[in-house]
N, C-alpha and C. Protein backbone atom coordinates (compact mmCIF):
# COMPACT_ATOMS: atom_id res chain seq x y z
N MET A 1 -16.41 56.74 34.53
CA MET A 1 -15.27 55.86 34.55
C MET A 1 -14.05 56.65 34.99
N SER A 2 -13.29 56.08 35.92
CA SER A 2 -12.13 56.80 36.44
C SER A 2 -10.92 56.61 35.54
N ARG A 3 -10.11 57.63 35.57
CA ARG A 3 -8.88 57.56 34.77
C ARG A 3 -7.82 56.75 35.51
N PRO A 4 -6.98 56.07 34.79
CA PRO A 4 -5.90 55.35 35.46
C PRO A 4 -4.90 56.35 36.05
N ARG A 5 -4.40 56.02 37.21
CA ARG A 5 -3.46 56.91 37.88
C ARG A 5 -2.11 56.88 37.19
N LYS A 6 -1.48 58.03 37.22
CA LYS A 6 -0.12 58.10 36.68
C LYS A 6 0.84 57.59 37.75
N LYS A 7 1.78 56.81 37.32
CA LYS A 7 2.78 56.32 38.26
C LYS A 7 3.81 57.41 38.49
N ARG A 8 4.06 57.68 39.74
CA ARG A 8 5.08 58.67 40.07
C ARG A 8 6.43 57.99 40.12
N ARG A 9 7.37 58.63 39.55
CA ARG A 9 8.72 58.09 39.60
C ARG A 9 9.33 58.41 40.95
N ARG A 10 9.97 57.44 41.51
CA ARG A 10 10.64 57.63 42.79
C ARG A 10 11.88 58.46 42.56
N GLU A 11 12.03 59.48 43.37
CA GLU A 11 13.20 60.34 43.21
C GLU A 11 14.43 59.62 43.75
N VAL A 12 15.47 59.61 42.99
CA VAL A 12 16.71 58.96 43.37
C VAL A 12 17.60 60.00 44.03
N THR A 13 18.03 59.69 45.24
CA THR A 13 18.94 60.61 45.92
C THR A 13 20.35 60.18 45.60
N LYS A 14 21.07 61.07 44.99
CA LYS A 14 22.44 60.78 44.61
C LYS A 14 23.37 61.39 45.64
N VAL A 15 24.15 60.54 46.27
CA VAL A 15 25.11 60.99 47.26
C VAL A 15 26.50 60.76 46.67
N PRO A 16 27.27 61.83 46.47
CA PRO A 16 28.60 61.62 45.89
C PRO A 16 29.53 60.92 46.87
N ARG A 17 30.42 60.13 46.32
CA ARG A 17 31.42 59.47 47.14
C ARG A 17 32.43 60.49 47.61
N SER A 18 32.80 60.41 48.87
CA SER A 18 33.77 61.37 49.40
C SER A 18 34.74 60.64 50.32
N GLU A 19 35.81 61.31 50.65
CA GLU A 19 36.82 60.73 51.52
C GLU A 19 36.41 60.80 52.99
N ALA A 20 35.39 61.62 53.32
CA ALA A 20 34.96 61.77 54.70
C ALA A 20 34.21 60.54 55.20
N ARG A 21 33.61 59.81 54.31
CA ARG A 21 32.86 58.62 54.70
C ARG A 21 33.79 57.41 54.79
N LEU A 22 33.20 56.28 55.19
CA LEU A 22 33.97 55.04 55.23
C LEU A 22 34.32 54.61 53.81
N PRO A 23 35.45 53.98 53.62
CA PRO A 23 35.80 53.51 52.28
C PRO A 23 34.81 52.43 51.82
N GLU A 24 34.54 52.42 50.54
CA GLU A 24 33.59 51.47 49.97
C GLU A 24 34.29 50.54 49.00
N PHE A 25 33.87 49.28 49.06
CA PHE A 25 34.46 48.26 48.19
C PHE A 25 33.33 47.53 47.48
N ASP A 26 33.58 47.19 46.21
CA ASP A 26 32.62 46.41 45.46
C ASP A 26 32.74 44.95 45.87
N ARG A 27 31.72 44.19 45.50
CA ARG A 27 31.75 42.76 45.81
C ARG A 27 32.91 42.08 45.09
N ARG A 28 33.51 41.15 45.77
CA ARG A 28 34.67 40.38 45.31
C ARG A 28 35.90 41.26 45.06
N ALA A 29 35.89 42.50 45.57
CA ALA A 29 37.06 43.36 45.46
C ALA A 29 37.47 43.85 46.84
N CYS A 30 37.03 43.16 47.87
CA CYS A 30 37.31 43.55 49.24
C CYS A 30 38.72 43.11 49.62
N PRO A 31 39.49 43.96 50.30
CA PRO A 31 40.84 43.57 50.69
C PRO A 31 40.82 42.49 51.78
N GLU A 32 41.91 41.79 51.90
CA GLU A 32 42.01 40.74 52.91
C GLU A 32 42.03 41.38 54.30
N GLY A 33 41.47 40.68 55.26
CA GLY A 33 41.43 41.20 56.62
C GLY A 33 40.14 41.93 56.94
N MET A 34 39.26 42.08 55.95
CA MET A 34 37.96 42.70 56.19
C MET A 34 36.87 41.70 55.84
N VAL A 35 35.97 41.46 56.79
CA VAL A 35 34.90 40.50 56.60
C VAL A 35 33.60 41.09 57.13
N THR A 36 32.48 40.49 56.71
CA THR A 36 31.18 40.92 57.19
C THR A 36 30.92 40.33 58.57
N ARG A 37 29.85 40.76 59.20
CA ARG A 37 29.52 40.27 60.54
C ARG A 37 29.21 38.77 60.52
N ARG A 38 28.56 38.32 59.48
CA ARG A 38 28.24 36.90 59.35
C ARG A 38 29.51 36.07 59.21
N GLN A 39 30.49 36.57 58.46
CA GLN A 39 31.74 35.85 58.31
C GLN A 39 32.52 35.84 59.62
N LEU A 40 32.41 36.93 60.40
CA LEU A 40 33.03 36.94 61.73
C LEU A 40 32.43 35.85 62.61
N ARG A 41 31.12 35.74 62.57
CA ARG A 41 30.44 34.75 63.40
C ARG A 41 30.84 33.34 63.00
N GLU A 42 31.02 33.08 61.70
CA GLU A 42 31.45 31.75 61.25
C GLU A 42 32.84 31.40 61.75
N LYS A 43 33.68 32.43 61.94
CA LYS A 43 35.04 32.20 62.44
C LYS A 43 35.09 32.16 63.96
N GLY A 44 33.94 32.36 64.63
CA GLY A 44 33.91 32.34 66.09
C GLY A 44 34.38 33.66 66.70
N LEU A 45 34.24 34.75 65.95
CA LEU A 45 34.70 36.06 66.42
C LEU A 45 33.52 37.02 66.53
N SER A 46 33.74 38.12 67.24
CA SER A 46 32.76 39.21 67.32
C SER A 46 33.51 40.51 67.07
N PRO A 47 32.79 41.60 66.71
CA PRO A 47 33.50 42.86 66.43
C PRO A 47 34.29 43.39 67.62
N GLY A 48 33.94 42.99 68.82
CA GLY A 48 34.72 43.40 69.99
C GLY A 48 34.55 44.86 70.36
N GLY A 49 33.39 45.43 70.10
CA GLY A 49 33.15 46.82 70.46
C GLY A 49 33.59 47.82 69.41
N HIS A 50 34.25 47.37 68.38
CA HIS A 50 34.70 48.27 67.32
C HIS A 50 33.62 48.38 66.25
N GLY A 51 33.52 49.52 65.67
CA GLY A 51 32.55 49.75 64.60
C GLY A 51 33.07 49.24 63.27
N PRO A 52 32.28 49.38 62.23
CA PRO A 52 32.72 48.96 60.90
C PRO A 52 33.84 49.86 60.39
N VAL A 53 34.70 49.28 59.58
CA VAL A 53 35.82 50.04 59.03
C VAL A 53 35.63 50.34 57.54
N ALA A 54 34.65 49.69 56.91
CA ALA A 54 34.39 49.93 55.49
C ALA A 54 32.98 49.47 55.16
N VAL A 55 32.57 49.76 53.92
CA VAL A 55 31.24 49.40 53.44
C VAL A 55 31.40 48.50 52.22
N LEU A 56 30.64 47.41 52.20
CA LEU A 56 30.59 46.53 51.04
C LEU A 56 29.39 46.96 50.21
N ARG A 57 29.66 47.47 49.02
CA ARG A 57 28.60 48.02 48.18
C ARG A 57 27.69 46.92 47.65
N CYS A 58 26.45 47.29 47.39
CA CYS A 58 25.49 46.32 46.85
C CYS A 58 25.77 46.12 45.35
N LYS A 59 25.11 45.14 44.80
CA LYS A 59 25.36 44.79 43.40
C LYS A 59 24.92 45.90 42.45
N ALA A 60 23.83 46.59 42.79
CA ALA A 60 23.32 47.65 41.91
C ALA A 60 24.26 48.84 41.86
N CYS A 61 24.97 49.12 42.92
CA CYS A 61 25.85 50.29 42.96
C CYS A 61 27.19 50.05 42.28
N SER A 62 27.46 48.84 41.86
CA SER A 62 28.73 48.59 41.17
C SER A 62 28.76 49.28 39.81
N TYR A 63 27.59 49.63 39.28
CA TYR A 63 27.52 50.32 38.00
C TYR A 63 27.68 51.84 38.15
N ARG A 64 27.65 52.33 39.39
CA ARG A 64 27.79 53.76 39.64
C ARG A 64 28.97 54.00 40.58
N PRO A 65 30.19 53.98 40.08
CA PRO A 65 31.34 54.10 40.98
C PRO A 65 31.52 55.50 41.57
N ASP A 66 30.89 56.52 41.00
CA ASP A 66 31.07 57.87 41.52
C ASP A 66 30.09 58.21 42.64
N GLN A 67 29.09 57.34 42.89
CA GLN A 67 28.10 57.61 43.93
C GLN A 67 28.27 56.65 45.09
N ALA A 68 27.91 57.12 46.28
CA ALA A 68 27.99 56.28 47.47
C ALA A 68 26.80 55.32 47.51
N CYS A 69 27.00 54.18 48.08
CA CYS A 69 25.93 53.18 48.20
C CYS A 69 25.10 53.51 49.44
N ILE A 70 23.82 53.81 49.23
CA ILE A 70 22.94 54.10 50.35
C ILE A 70 21.79 53.10 50.45
N HIS A 71 21.88 52.01 49.72
CA HIS A 71 20.83 51.00 49.72
C HIS A 71 20.88 50.17 51.01
N PRO A 72 19.75 49.62 51.40
CA PRO A 72 19.75 48.78 52.61
C PRO A 72 20.43 47.44 52.42
N THR A 73 20.77 47.08 51.19
CA THR A 73 21.42 45.79 50.94
C THR A 73 22.93 45.87 51.08
N ARG A 74 23.46 47.03 51.41
CA ARG A 74 24.90 47.12 51.61
C ARG A 74 25.27 46.40 52.91
N ALA A 75 26.53 46.09 53.05
CA ALA A 75 27.00 45.39 54.25
C ALA A 75 28.15 46.16 54.86
N TRP A 76 28.27 46.03 56.17
CA TRP A 76 29.38 46.66 56.87
C TRP A 76 30.53 45.68 56.94
N LEU A 77 31.73 46.17 56.78
CA LEU A 77 32.92 45.34 56.85
C LEU A 77 33.67 45.64 58.14
N TYR A 78 34.11 44.58 58.80
CA TYR A 78 34.83 44.69 60.06
C TYR A 78 36.24 44.14 59.89
N SER A 79 37.14 44.64 60.68
CA SER A 79 38.53 44.20 60.62
C SER A 79 38.70 42.93 61.44
N VAL A 80 39.37 41.94 60.88
CA VAL A 80 39.63 40.69 61.60
C VAL A 80 40.66 40.93 62.70
N GLU A 81 41.57 41.87 62.50
CA GLU A 81 42.60 42.14 63.49
C GLU A 81 42.02 42.75 64.77
N LEU A 82 40.95 43.55 64.63
CA LEU A 82 40.33 44.18 65.80
C LEU A 82 39.30 43.28 66.47
N ALA A 83 38.91 42.19 65.80
CA ALA A 83 37.87 41.31 66.33
C ALA A 83 38.40 40.50 67.51
N ARG A 84 37.48 40.13 68.38
CA ARG A 84 37.81 39.33 69.55
C ARG A 84 37.03 38.02 69.50
N PRO A 85 37.48 37.01 70.25
CA PRO A 85 36.71 35.76 70.28
C PRO A 85 35.35 35.99 70.93
N LYS A 86 34.38 35.20 70.51
CA LYS A 86 33.04 35.30 71.09
C LYS A 86 33.09 34.97 72.56
N ARG A 87 32.24 35.64 73.33
CA ARG A 87 32.18 35.33 74.75
C ARG A 87 31.41 34.03 74.96
N VAL A 88 31.89 33.20 75.84
CA VAL A 88 31.25 31.93 76.15
C VAL A 88 30.51 32.11 77.48
N PRO A 89 29.22 31.77 77.55
CA PRO A 89 28.51 31.95 78.81
C PRO A 89 29.01 30.99 79.88
N THR A 90 28.99 31.46 81.12
CA THR A 90 29.40 30.60 82.23
C THR A 90 28.29 29.59 82.52
N LEU A 91 28.60 28.62 83.35
CA LEU A 91 27.61 27.61 83.70
C LEU A 91 26.45 28.23 84.47
N ALA A 92 26.73 29.23 85.30
CA ALA A 92 25.67 29.90 86.05
C ALA A 92 24.75 30.68 85.11
N GLN A 93 25.30 31.30 84.08
CA GLN A 93 24.48 32.01 83.11
C GLN A 93 23.60 31.05 82.33
N GLU A 94 24.16 29.91 81.93
CA GLU A 94 23.36 28.91 81.22
C GLU A 94 22.26 28.35 82.13
N TRP A 95 22.56 28.16 83.40
CA TRP A 95 21.57 27.65 84.34
C TRP A 95 20.43 28.66 84.51
N ALA A 96 20.77 29.96 84.58
CA ALA A 96 19.75 30.99 84.71
C ALA A 96 18.88 31.07 83.45
N LEU A 97 19.48 30.94 82.27
CA LEU A 97 18.71 30.94 81.03
C LEU A 97 17.77 29.73 80.97
N ASP A 98 18.24 28.59 81.42
CA ASP A 98 17.42 27.40 81.40
C ASP A 98 16.24 27.53 82.35
N ARG A 99 16.46 28.11 83.53
CA ARG A 99 15.35 28.32 84.46
C ARG A 99 14.32 29.29 83.89
N ALA A 100 14.80 30.34 83.21
CA ALA A 100 13.87 31.30 82.60
C ALA A 100 13.06 30.65 81.50
N MET A 101 13.70 29.83 80.66
CA MET A 101 12.97 29.13 79.61
C MET A 101 12.01 28.08 80.19
N ALA A 102 12.40 27.46 81.31
CA ALA A 102 11.51 26.49 81.95
C ALA A 102 10.26 27.18 82.47
N ALA A 103 10.40 28.40 82.98
CA ALA A 103 9.24 29.13 83.46
C ALA A 103 8.29 29.49 82.33
N ARG A 104 8.82 29.75 81.14
CA ARG A 104 7.98 30.11 80.00
C ARG A 104 7.35 28.91 79.33
N SER A 105 7.93 27.72 79.51
CA SER A 105 7.44 26.56 78.78
C SER A 105 6.81 25.49 79.68
N THR A 106 6.61 25.76 80.97
CA THR A 106 5.99 24.81 81.88
C THR A 106 4.57 25.27 82.20
N CYS A 107 3.62 24.36 82.08
CA CYS A 107 2.23 24.68 82.37
C CYS A 107 2.02 24.66 83.89
N PRO A 108 1.40 25.70 84.47
CA PRO A 108 1.19 25.70 85.91
C PRO A 108 0.14 24.69 86.39
N ARG A 109 -0.74 24.23 85.51
CA ARG A 109 -1.78 23.27 85.91
C ARG A 109 -1.28 21.83 85.88
N CYS A 110 -0.78 21.40 84.72
CA CYS A 110 -0.40 19.99 84.57
C CYS A 110 1.09 19.74 84.83
N LYS A 111 1.87 20.81 85.00
CA LYS A 111 3.31 20.74 85.30
C LYS A 111 4.12 20.05 84.20
N ARG A 112 3.63 20.06 82.98
CA ARG A 112 4.40 19.51 81.85
C ARG A 112 5.27 20.62 81.28
N ARG A 113 6.49 20.27 80.91
CA ARG A 113 7.37 21.23 80.25
C ARG A 113 7.38 20.93 78.76
N TYR A 114 6.92 21.91 77.98
CA TYR A 114 6.82 21.75 76.54
C TYR A 114 8.11 22.20 75.86
N TYR A 115 8.24 21.86 74.59
CA TYR A 115 9.40 22.25 73.80
C TYR A 115 9.25 23.66 73.23
N PHE A 116 8.17 24.35 73.51
CA PHE A 116 7.92 25.69 72.99
C PHE A 116 7.36 26.54 74.12
N CYS A 117 7.34 27.84 73.93
CA CYS A 117 6.81 28.76 74.94
C CYS A 117 5.29 28.72 74.93
N LEU A 118 4.71 28.81 76.11
CA LEU A 118 3.25 28.73 76.25
C LEU A 118 2.64 30.13 76.33
N PRO A 119 1.37 30.26 75.95
CA PRO A 119 0.70 31.56 76.06
C PRO A 119 0.22 31.83 77.48
N LEU A 120 1.15 31.93 78.42
CA LEU A 120 0.78 32.05 79.83
C LEU A 120 0.18 33.42 80.15
N ARG A 121 0.58 34.45 79.45
CA ARG A 121 0.06 35.78 79.74
C ARG A 121 -1.40 35.91 79.31
N THR A 122 -1.75 35.35 78.19
CA THR A 122 -3.11 35.49 77.68
C THR A 122 -4.01 34.34 78.10
N GLN A 123 -3.49 33.12 78.10
CA GLN A 123 -4.31 31.95 78.34
C GLN A 123 -4.15 31.41 79.75
N GLY A 124 -2.93 31.51 80.30
CA GLY A 124 -2.68 31.06 81.66
C GLY A 124 -2.25 29.62 81.79
N CYS A 125 -2.39 28.83 80.74
CA CYS A 125 -2.00 27.42 80.77
C CYS A 125 -1.78 26.94 79.35
N CYS A 126 -1.47 25.66 79.21
CA CYS A 126 -1.23 25.10 77.88
C CYS A 126 -2.56 24.85 77.18
N ASP A 127 -2.51 24.63 75.88
CA ASP A 127 -3.73 24.38 75.10
C ASP A 127 -4.47 23.12 75.54
N PRO A 128 -3.79 21.99 75.80
CA PRO A 128 -4.54 20.80 76.25
C PRO A 128 -5.30 21.03 77.55
N CYS A 129 -4.71 21.77 78.49
CA CYS A 129 -5.44 22.05 79.73
C CYS A 129 -6.60 23.00 79.48
N ASP A 130 -6.40 23.97 78.62
CA ASP A 130 -7.44 24.95 78.36
C ASP A 130 -8.60 24.37 77.56
N LYS A 131 -8.28 23.55 76.57
CA LYS A 131 -9.33 23.02 75.69
C LYS A 131 -9.81 21.63 76.10
N GLY A 132 -9.06 20.96 76.99
CA GLY A 132 -9.51 19.68 77.53
C GLY A 132 -9.20 18.47 76.69
N TYR A 133 -8.03 18.39 76.07
CA TYR A 133 -7.65 17.19 75.33
C TYR A 133 -6.27 16.74 75.79
N GLU A 134 -5.91 15.53 75.43
CA GLU A 134 -4.61 14.96 75.83
C GLU A 134 -3.55 15.36 74.80
N PRO A 135 -2.41 15.93 75.25
CA PRO A 135 -1.38 16.34 74.29
C PRO A 135 -0.62 15.14 73.74
N SER A 136 -0.03 15.31 72.57
CA SER A 136 0.78 14.24 71.99
C SER A 136 2.12 14.19 72.71
N LEU A 137 2.72 13.03 72.70
CA LEU A 137 3.95 12.82 73.47
C LEU A 137 5.16 13.56 72.91
N ASP A 138 5.13 13.94 71.64
CA ASP A 138 6.29 14.61 71.06
C ASP A 138 6.28 16.12 71.30
N THR A 139 5.29 16.66 72.01
CA THR A 139 5.25 18.10 72.25
C THR A 139 5.79 18.49 73.62
N TYR A 140 5.92 17.54 74.54
CA TYR A 140 6.42 17.88 75.88
C TYR A 140 7.46 16.87 76.33
N MET A 141 8.20 17.27 77.37
CA MET A 141 9.24 16.40 77.92
C MET A 141 8.61 15.44 78.91
N THR A 142 9.09 14.21 78.92
CA THR A 142 8.49 13.20 79.79
C THR A 142 8.87 13.41 81.24
N SER A 143 10.07 13.91 81.53
CA SER A 143 10.44 14.19 82.91
C SER A 143 10.24 15.68 83.17
N PRO A 144 9.21 16.09 83.91
CA PRO A 144 8.84 17.50 83.99
C PRO A 144 9.76 18.38 84.82
N ALA A 145 10.47 17.87 85.79
CA ALA A 145 11.21 18.73 86.70
C ALA A 145 12.70 18.86 86.35
N THR A 146 13.13 18.34 85.23
CA THR A 146 14.55 18.43 84.88
C THR A 146 14.82 19.68 84.11
N HIS A 147 16.03 20.19 84.24
CA HIS A 147 16.45 21.37 83.51
C HIS A 147 17.47 20.96 82.45
N ARG A 148 17.43 21.65 81.32
CA ARG A 148 18.38 21.40 80.26
C ARG A 148 19.21 22.65 80.07
N LEU A 149 20.51 22.50 80.00
CA LEU A 149 21.37 23.66 79.78
C LEU A 149 21.37 24.04 78.31
N ALA A 150 21.58 25.32 78.06
CA ALA A 150 21.49 25.84 76.69
C ALA A 150 22.58 25.28 75.80
N ALA A 151 23.77 25.14 76.31
CA ALA A 151 24.89 24.69 75.46
C ALA A 151 25.27 23.27 75.73
């Protein structure tokens, strides 16, 4: 009979907080003008090429104020003043994206354009053509040669 294995304790790496690193803020203690990337996106902004200006500490690290947060659940904080508006694609860029998506979702045999990408690299055609059955009407577009713009 085998003995039960001993559980090894994971070694905790303690990194002291220092002034050389980015400033760290606990949750709900972040100064105004600093937001996460998701909050920037909700406001229609992007970081604009600038890096993060601070770190939002995770919930577990709020109990250890003398140590730096190195957990993957931390968040980067960006300055709203340095952020720029999101770039809007031009009509030509949207047209090119639509043509690329049409090439990935159109079957070369039956010329139907589906609402999803087809396994053209491995299968070469759509499942109904490969397996020999009639597809349902809600899986493909009724007008096969039209293009839809992304926005």
